[in-house]
Structures are given as C-alpha cells and as structure tokens.
Amino acid sequence: MGRNKKMKKKNITIENLATMVSKGFDDVVSHMARKDEVNQRFDKVENRLEKIEKLILANHKRRIERLEEEVKELKELLAVK
C-alpha cells in the first residue's frame, strides 16, 4: 500500500520519541490516579449506603416485632371472650 500523498514524512529523533513515550506514560499515570480517586469516592458512597440500609432494616425489624406482639395480644384478647 502506497503512502498517502497528503502525509508528510516526519523525522523523529530519539529525544522526540522519548518525550512522546514519557508523555504517554504520564497520561496513563494521570488516568490511573483519577481512577483511584473515583474508586475511593465510590467506596465511601457504598459504605454510606450500607449504613443507611442497616438503619432501615433495623427500623423495620423493630416495627415488625412490635406488630407481632400486638397481634399476639389481640389473639389472646379474642380467645378470652
């Protein structure tokens, strides 16, 4: 396949290539750091949601236990009559 006529031949020195590779690695490191930050934030959100879920479940458990006790009392009252 021939070279595209619009493409110009570029002379790249070792220094230029090293700079490009270094910049590429810097970009990767930057993206990895950003990913770590996002993961940490998600972990915090997940922990908060777990706490909220536990609070809600504990509240529901208390309410159900209270209702069960009330039903038991009602059954006892109805059995007496």
N, C-alpha and C. Protein backbone atom coordinates (compact mmCIF):
# COMPACT_ATOMS: atom_id res chain seq x y z
N MET A 1 0.85 -1.17 0.00
CA MET A 1 0.00 0.00 0.00
C MET A 1 0.89 1.23 0.00
N GLY A 2 0.65 2.17 -0.89
CA GLY A 2 1.48 3.36 -1.00
C GLY A 2 1.18 4.39 0.05
N ARG A 3 2.12 5.31 0.19
CA ARG A 3 1.93 6.39 1.16
C ARG A 3 0.88 7.35 0.64
N ASN A 4 0.08 7.86 1.56
CA ASN A 4 -0.91 8.87 1.22
C ASN A 4 -0.14 10.11 0.79
N LYS A 5 -0.55 10.73 -0.32
CA LYS A 5 0.17 11.90 -0.83
C LYS A 5 0.13 13.06 0.15
N LYS A 6 -0.92 13.14 0.98
CA LYS A 6 -1.04 14.25 1.92
C LYS A 6 -0.16 14.04 3.16
N MET A 7 0.25 12.80 3.42
CA MET A 7 1.07 12.53 4.59
C MET A 7 2.49 12.99 4.32
N LYS A 8 3.02 13.74 5.26
CA LYS A 8 4.40 14.19 5.13
C LYS A 8 5.30 13.28 5.94
N LYS A 9 6.47 13.07 5.45
CA LYS A 9 7.43 12.27 6.17
C LYS A 9 7.95 13.09 7.34
N LYS A 10 7.92 12.49 8.53
CA LYS A 10 8.39 13.19 9.71
C LYS A 10 9.67 12.53 10.18
N ASN A 11 10.65 13.35 10.45
CA ASN A 11 11.88 12.84 11.03
C ASN A 11 11.76 12.94 12.54
N ILE A 12 11.74 11.81 13.20
CA ILE A 12 11.60 11.78 14.65
C ILE A 12 12.93 11.36 15.24
N THR A 13 13.40 12.18 16.15
CA THR A 13 14.66 11.85 16.81
C THR A 13 14.37 10.96 18.01
N ILE A 14 15.40 10.37 18.54
CA ILE A 14 15.26 9.54 19.74
C ILE A 14 14.72 10.39 20.88
N GLU A 15 15.17 11.64 20.96
CA GLU A 15 14.70 12.53 22.02
C GLU A 15 13.21 12.80 21.88
N ASN A 16 12.77 13.04 20.62
CA ASN A 16 11.34 13.27 20.38
C ASN A 16 10.53 12.04 20.76
N LEU A 17 11.02 10.88 20.37
CA LEU A 17 10.33 9.64 20.67
C LEU A 17 10.27 9.41 22.18
N ALA A 18 11.37 9.68 22.87
CA ALA A 18 11.41 9.52 24.32
C ALA A 18 10.41 10.47 24.98
N THR A 19 10.32 11.70 24.48
CA THR A 19 9.37 12.67 25.02
C THR A 19 7.94 12.20 24.81
N MET A 20 7.65 11.67 23.62
CA MET A 20 6.30 11.19 23.34
C MET A 20 5.94 10.00 24.24
N VAL A 21 6.87 9.08 24.40
CA VAL A 21 6.63 7.92 25.26
C VAL A 21 6.42 8.37 26.70
N SER A 22 7.26 9.30 27.15
CA SER A 22 7.14 9.82 28.52
C SER A 22 5.78 10.48 28.73
N LYS A 23 5.35 11.28 27.75
CA LYS A 23 4.04 11.93 27.85
C LYS A 23 2.93 10.89 27.90
N GLY A 24 3.07 9.85 27.11
CA GLY A 24 2.08 8.78 27.12
C GLY A 24 2.00 8.11 28.49
N PHE A 25 3.15 7.85 29.09
CA PHE A 25 3.15 7.25 30.43
C PHE A 25 2.57 8.21 31.46
N ASP A 26 2.89 9.50 31.33
CA ASP A 26 2.33 10.49 32.25
C ASP A 26 0.80 10.51 32.16
N ASP A 27 0.28 10.41 30.93
CA ASP A 27 -1.17 10.38 30.75
C ASP A 27 -1.78 9.14 31.40
N VAL A 28 -1.10 8.01 31.26
CA VAL A 28 -1.60 6.77 31.86
C VAL A 28 -1.61 6.89 33.38
N VAL A 29 -0.53 7.43 33.94
CA VAL A 29 -0.44 7.61 35.40
C VAL A 29 -1.55 8.55 35.87
N SER A 30 -1.79 9.61 35.12
CA SER A 30 -2.85 10.56 35.48
C SER A 30 -4.22 9.88 35.46
N HIS A 31 -4.48 9.08 34.44
CA HIS A 31 -5.75 8.36 34.36
C HIS A 31 -5.89 7.36 35.49
N MET A 32 -4.80 6.69 35.84
CA MET A 32 -4.84 5.72 36.93
C MET A 32 -5.12 6.42 38.26
N ALA A 33 -4.51 7.59 38.47
CA ALA A 33 -4.75 8.34 39.70
C ALA A 33 -6.21 8.78 39.77
N ARG A 34 -6.74 9.23 38.66
CA ARG A 34 -8.14 9.64 38.61
C ARG A 34 -9.05 8.45 38.89
N LYS A 35 -8.70 7.29 38.34
CA LYS A 35 -9.49 6.09 38.58
C LYS A 35 -9.46 5.73 40.06
N ASP A 36 -8.30 5.84 40.69
CA ASP A 36 -8.20 5.55 42.13
C ASP A 36 -9.07 6.50 42.94
N GLU A 37 -9.08 7.78 42.56
CA GLU A 37 -9.92 8.76 43.26
C GLU A 37 -11.40 8.38 43.13
N VAL A 38 -11.80 8.02 41.93
CA VAL A 38 -13.20 7.64 41.69
C VAL A 38 -13.54 6.39 42.50
N ASN A 39 -12.64 5.42 42.53
CA ASN A 39 -12.89 4.20 43.30
C ASN A 39 -13.03 4.51 44.79
N GLN A 40 -12.20 5.42 45.30
CA GLN A 40 -12.30 5.79 46.71
C GLN A 40 -13.64 6.46 46.99
N ARG A 41 -14.07 7.33 46.10
CA ARG A 41 -15.36 8.00 46.29
C ARG A 41 -16.51 7.00 46.24
N PHE A 42 -16.45 6.04 45.32
CA PHE A 42 -17.49 5.02 45.25
C PHE A 42 -17.50 4.17 46.52
N ASP A 43 -16.31 3.87 47.04
CA ASP A 43 -16.25 3.11 48.29
C ASP A 43 -16.93 3.86 49.42
N LYS A 44 -16.71 5.17 49.49
CA LYS A 44 -17.36 5.98 50.53
C LYS A 44 -18.88 5.97 50.36
N VAL A 45 -19.33 6.11 49.12
CA VAL A 45 -20.77 6.10 48.86
C VAL A 45 -21.35 4.74 49.22
N GLU A 46 -20.65 3.68 48.85
CA GLU A 46 -21.12 2.33 49.16
C GLU A 46 -21.22 2.13 50.67
N ASN A 47 -20.23 2.60 51.41
CA ASN A 47 -20.26 2.48 52.88
C ASN A 47 -21.44 3.24 53.47
N ARG A 48 -21.69 4.43 52.95
CA ARG A 48 -22.82 5.21 53.44
C ARG A 48 -24.14 4.51 53.15
N LEU A 49 -24.27 3.95 51.96
CA LEU A 49 -25.49 3.23 51.61
C LEU A 49 -25.69 2.00 52.49
N GLU A 50 -24.60 1.31 52.80
CA GLU A 50 -24.70 0.14 53.69
C GLU A 50 -25.19 0.56 55.07
N LYS A 51 -24.69 1.69 55.57
CA LYS A 51 -25.14 2.19 56.88
C LYS A 51 -26.63 2.54 56.84
N ILE A 52 -27.04 3.20 55.78
CA ILE A 52 -28.45 3.57 55.64
C ILE A 52 -29.31 2.31 55.57
N GLU A 53 -28.87 1.33 54.80
CA GLU A 53 -29.61 0.08 54.67
C GLU A 53 -29.76 -0.61 56.03
N LYS A 54 -28.68 -0.64 56.80
CA LYS A 54 -28.74 -1.26 58.13
C LYS A 54 -29.71 -0.53 59.04
N LEU A 55 -29.71 0.80 58.98
CA LEU A 55 -30.65 1.57 59.79
C LEU A 55 -32.10 1.28 59.41
N ILE A 56 -32.35 1.23 58.12
CA ILE A 56 -33.71 0.96 57.64
C ILE A 56 -34.14 -0.44 58.05
N LEU A 57 -33.25 -1.42 57.87
CA LEU A 57 -33.59 -2.80 58.24
C LEU A 57 -33.84 -2.93 59.74
N ALA A 58 -33.02 -2.26 60.54
CA ALA A 58 -33.22 -2.31 62.00
C ALA A 58 -34.56 -1.70 62.37
N ASN A 59 -34.91 -0.60 61.73
CA ASN A 59 -36.20 0.05 61.99
C ASN A 59 -37.35 -0.88 61.61
N HIS A 60 -37.26 -1.50 60.45
CA HIS A 60 -38.31 -2.43 60.02
C HIS A 60 -38.41 -3.62 60.97
N LYS A 61 -37.27 -4.11 61.41
CA LYS A 61 -37.29 -5.25 62.34
C LYS A 61 -38.03 -4.88 63.62
N ARG A 62 -37.72 -3.70 64.17
CA ARG A 62 -38.40 -3.25 65.39
C ARG A 62 -39.91 -3.12 65.16
N ARG A 63 -40.28 -2.54 64.03
CA ARG A 63 -41.70 -2.36 63.73
C ARG A 63 -42.41 -3.70 63.58
N ILE A 64 -41.78 -4.63 62.90
CA ILE A 64 -42.39 -5.95 62.71
C ILE A 64 -42.54 -6.66 64.05
N GLU A 65 -41.49 -6.59 64.87
CA GLU A 65 -41.58 -7.23 66.20
C GLU A 65 -42.71 -6.62 67.03
N ARG A 66 -42.83 -5.30 66.96
CA ARG A 66 -43.91 -4.63 67.70
C ARG A 66 -45.28 -5.07 67.18
N LEU A 67 -45.43 -5.15 65.88
CA LEU A 67 -46.69 -5.59 65.29
C LEU A 67 -47.00 -7.04 65.65
N GLU A 68 -45.98 -7.87 65.64
CA GLU A 68 -46.20 -9.27 66.03
C GLU A 68 -46.68 -9.36 67.47
N GLU A 69 -46.10 -8.56 68.34
CA GLU A 69 -46.51 -8.55 69.74
C GLU A 69 -47.96 -8.07 69.87
N GLU A 70 -48.32 -7.05 69.11
CA GLU A 70 -49.70 -6.55 69.15
C GLU A 70 -50.68 -7.59 68.63
N VAL A 71 -50.31 -8.30 67.57
CA VAL A 71 -51.18 -9.35 67.04
C VAL A 71 -51.35 -10.46 68.08
N LYS A 72 -50.26 -10.81 68.75
CA LYS A 72 -50.32 -11.83 69.80
C LYS A 72 -51.29 -11.40 70.90
N GLU A 73 -51.17 -10.13 71.31
CA GLU A 73 -52.07 -9.61 72.36
C GLU A 73 -53.53 -9.64 71.89
N LEU A 74 -53.75 -9.26 70.64
CA LEU A 74 -55.12 -9.29 70.11
C LEU A 74 -55.68 -10.71 70.08
N LYS A 75 -54.85 -11.66 69.68
CA LYS A 75 -55.29 -13.05 69.67
C LYS A 75 -55.65 -13.51 71.07
N GLU A 76 -54.83 -13.12 72.04
CA GLU A 76 -55.12 -13.50 73.43
C GLU A 76 -56.43 -12.88 73.90
N LEU A 77 -56.66 -11.62 73.54
CA LEU A 77 -57.90 -10.96 73.94
C LEU A 77 -59.12 -11.62 73.30
N LEU A 78 -59.00 -11.98 72.04
CA LEU A 78 -60.11 -12.62 71.34
C LEU A 78 -60.38 -14.02 71.88
N ALA A 79 -59.36 -14.70 72.29
CA ALA A 79 -59.52 -16.05 72.83
C ALA A 79 -60.20 -16.03 74.18
N VAL A 80 -60.05 -14.93 74.93
CA VAL A 80 -60.65 -14.81 76.25
C VAL A 80 -62.15 -14.69 76.13
N LYS A 81 -62.66 -13.98 75.15
CA LYS A 81 -64.10 -13.70 75.02
C LYS A 81 -64.87 -14.90 74.65
